[in-house]
C-alpha atoms as a PDB file:
ATOM      1  CA  MET A   1     -11.083  -2.109  74.730  1.00  0.00           C
ATOM      2  CA  LEU A   2     -13.049  -1.619  71.557  1.00  0.00           C
ATOM      3  CA  GLY A   3     -14.741  -4.696  70.192  1.00  0.00           C
ATOM      4  CA  THR A   4     -16.712  -5.306  67.073  1.00  0.00           C
ATOM      5  CA  ASN A   5     -16.427  -3.465  63.804  1.00  0.00           C
ATOM      6  CA  SER A   6     -19.936  -2.097  64.250  1.00  0.00           C
ATOM      7  CA  GLN A   7     -18.971  -0.603  67.633  1.00  0.00           C
ATOM      8  CA  ILE A   8     -15.942   1.051  66.067  1.00  0.00           C
ATOM      9  CA  GLU A   9     -18.017   2.330  63.145  1.00  0.00           C
ATOM     10  CA  VAL A  10     -20.478   3.890  65.601  1.00  0.00           C
ATOM     11  CA  LEU A  11     -17.594   5.591  67.428  1.00  0.00           C
ATOM     12  CA  LEU A  12     -16.247   6.808  64.099  1.00  0.00           C
ATOM     13  CA  LEU A  13     -19.626   8.237  63.098  1.00  0.00           C
ATOM     14  CA  GLN A  14     -19.994   9.984  66.461  1.00  0.00           C
ATOM     15  CA  LEU A  15     -16.491  11.401  66.137  1.00  0.00           C
ATOM     16  CA  GLU A  16     -17.247  12.603  62.589  1.00  0.00           C
ATOM     17  CA  ASP A  17     -20.328  14.418  63.931  1.00  0.00           C
ATOM     18  CA  GLU A  18     -18.336  16.043  66.736  1.00  0.00           C
ATOM     19  CA  ILE A  19     -15.604  17.124  64.320  1.00  0.00           C
ATOM     20  CA  GLY A  20     -18.181  18.623  61.977  1.00  0.00           C
ATOM     21  CA  ARG A  21     -19.825  20.575  64.799  1.00  0.00           C
ATOM     22  CA  LEU A  22     -16.495  21.886  66.052  1.00  0.00           C
ATOM     23  CA  GLU A  23     -15.343  22.860  62.545  1.00  0.00           C
ATOM     24  CA  ARG A  24     -18.604  24.764  61.968  1.00  0.00           C
ATOM     25  CA  LEU A  25     -18.220  26.487  65.330  1.00  0.00           C
ATOM     26  CA  ILE A  26     -14.666  27.537  64.495  1.00  0.00           C
ATOM     27  CA  ARG A  27     -15.748  28.851  61.081  1.00  0.00           C
ATOM     28  CA  ARG A  28     -18.592  30.793  62.654  1.00  0.00           C
ATOM     29  CA  GLU A  29     -16.895  32.145  65.805  1.00  0.00           C
ATOM     30  CA  GLY A  30     -13.206  31.844  65.001  1.00  0.00           C
ATOM     31  CA  VAL A  31     -10.508  30.050  66.909  1.00  0.00           C
ATOM     32  CA  VAL A  32     -10.922  30.254  70.668  1.00  0.00           C
ATOM     33  CA  ALA A  33      -8.309  28.959  73.108  1.00  0.00           C
ATOM     34  CA  GLY A  34      -8.341  25.188  73.177  1.00  0.00           C
ATOM     35  CA  ARG A  35     -10.598  24.606  70.197  1.00  0.00           C
ATOM     36  CA  SER A  36      -7.829  24.104  67.676  1.00  0.00           C
ATOM     37  CA  GLU A  37      -6.012  21.669  69.975  1.00  0.00           C
ATOM     38  CA  LEU A  38      -9.227  19.756  70.569  1.00  0.00           C
ATOM     39  CA  LEU A  39      -9.848  19.598  66.833  1.00  0.00           C
ATOM     40  CA  LYS A  40      -6.320  18.276  66.231  1.00  0.00           C
ATOM     41  CA  GLU A  41      -6.866  15.571  68.855  1.00  0.00           C
ATOM     42  CA  MET A  42     -10.165  14.592  67.267  1.00  0.00           C
ATOM     43  CA  TRP A  43      -8.569  14.397  63.811  1.00  0.00           C
ATOM     44  CA  ALA A  44      -5.857  12.124  65.252  1.00  0.00           C
ATOM     45  CA  ARG A  45      -8.462   9.844  66.851  1.00  0.00           C
ATOM     46  CA  ARG A  46     -10.373   9.699  63.568  1.00  0.00           C
ATOM     47  CA  ARG A  47      -7.198   8.737  61.669  1.00  0.00           C
ATOM     48  CA  THR A  48      -6.463   6.026  64.223  1.00  0.00           C
ATOM     49  CA  LEU A  49      -9.967   4.546  64.010  1.00  0.00           C
ATOM     50  CA  ARG A  50      -9.823   4.587  60.217  1.00  0.00           C
ATOM     51  CA  GLN A  51      -6.427   2.883  60.379  1.00  0.00           C
ATOM     52  CA  LEU A  52      -7.833   0.232  62.698  1.00  0.00           C
ATOM     53  CA  MET A  53     -10.735  -0.496  60.358  1.00  0.00           C
ATOM     54  CA  ALA A  54      -8.462  -0.635  57.306  1.00  0.00           C
ATOM     55  CA  ARG A  55      -6.096  -3.057  58.992  1.00  0.00           C
ATOM     56  CA  ARG A  56      -8.991  -5.202  60.143  1.00  0.00           C
ATOM     57  CA  ARG A  57     -10.324  -5.365  56.572  1.00  0.00           C
ATOM     58  CA  ILE A  58      -6.884  -6.340  55.268  1.00  0.00           C
ATOM     59  CA  GLU A  59      -6.442  -9.047  57.893  1.00  0.00           C
ATOM     60  CA  ALA A  60      -9.994 -10.366  57.430  1.00  0.00           C
ATOM     61  CA  ALA A  61      -9.375 -10.778  53.685  1.00  0.00           C
ATOM     62  CA  LYS A  62      -6.539 -13.239  54.307  1.00  0.00           C
ATOM     63  CA  PRO A  63      -7.218 -16.983  53.998  1.00  0.00           C
ATOM     64  CA  VAL A  64      -6.055 -17.479  57.601  1.00  0.00           C
ATOM     65  CA  VAL A  65      -6.800 -14.604  59.940  1.00  0.00           C
ATOM     66  CA  ASP A  66      -4.450 -13.793  62.796  1.00  0.00           C
ATOM     67  CA  PHE A  67      -7.051 -12.759  65.346  1.00  0.00           C
ATOM     68  CA  GLN A  68      -4.587 -10.711  67.406  1.00  0.00           C
ATOM     69  CA  LYS A  69      -3.584  -8.654  64.352  1.00  0.00           C
ATOM     70  CA  TRP A  70      -7.258  -8.239  63.423  1.00  0.00           C
ATOM     71  CA  ARG A  71      -8.252  -7.222  66.944  1.00  0.00           C
ATOM     72  CA  ASP A  72      -5.361  -4.823  67.549  1.00  0.00           C
ATOM     73  CA  GLY A  73      -5.167  -3.402  64.037  1.00  0.00           C
ATOM     74  CA  GLY A  74      -1.388  -3.442  64.092  1.00  0.00           C
ATOM     75  CA  GLY A  75      -1.280  -1.400  67.295  1.00  0.00           C
ATOM     76  CA  ALA A  76      -3.987   1.086  66.280  1.00  0.00           C
ATOM     77  CA  ILE A  77      -6.206   0.018  69.175  1.00  0.00           C
ATOM     78  CA  GLN A  78      -3.462   0.778  71.707  1.00  0.00           C
ATOM     79  CA  LEU A  79      -2.782   4.126  70.043  1.00  0.00           C
ATOM     80  CA  PHE A  80      -6.470   5.045  70.231  1.00  0.00           C
ATOM     81  CA  THR A  81      -6.629   4.085  73.913  1.00  0.00           C
ATOM     82  CA  ALA A  82      -3.531   6.178  74.653  1.00  0.00           C
ATOM     83  CA  GLN A  83      -5.070   9.142  72.823  1.00  0.00           C
ATOM     84  CA  LEU A  84      -8.220   8.882  74.931  1.00  0.00           C
ATOM     85  CA  GLU A  85      -6.214   8.642  78.156  1.00  0.00           C
ATOM     86  CA  ARG A  86      -4.117  11.695  77.186  1.00  0.00           C
ATOM     87  CA  HIS A  87      -7.289  13.645  76.384  1.00  0.00           C
ATOM     88  CA  ALA A  88      -8.801  12.688  79.747  1.00  0.00           C
ATOM     89  CA  GLU A  89      -5.654  13.867  81.560  1.00  0.00           C
ATOM     90  CA  LEU A  90      -5.617  17.189  79.715  1.00  0.00           C
ATOM     91  CA  SER A  91      -9.347  17.713  80.360  1.00  0.00           C
ATOM     92  CA  ALA A  92      -9.042  17.068  84.110  1.00  0.00           C
END
């Protein structure tokens, strides 16, 4: 499971870099089988990580923080894990 905000931010930055590289590749060489699906998956993971961070910020701003809501981001962490597992199954 993902942990600290800084770990998630690092993952988000790495994902942003990968998305940028893939988008440039698609612009330069066109759509090749699998690239568009991979890009869609990466966009979904990015949205989920952003959602997790937003929900953590909202929960952290409360006078009394529900640690489970902060940690899970309202289910975003489970969604991200499921996305990674699905990607691993499709890649195998």
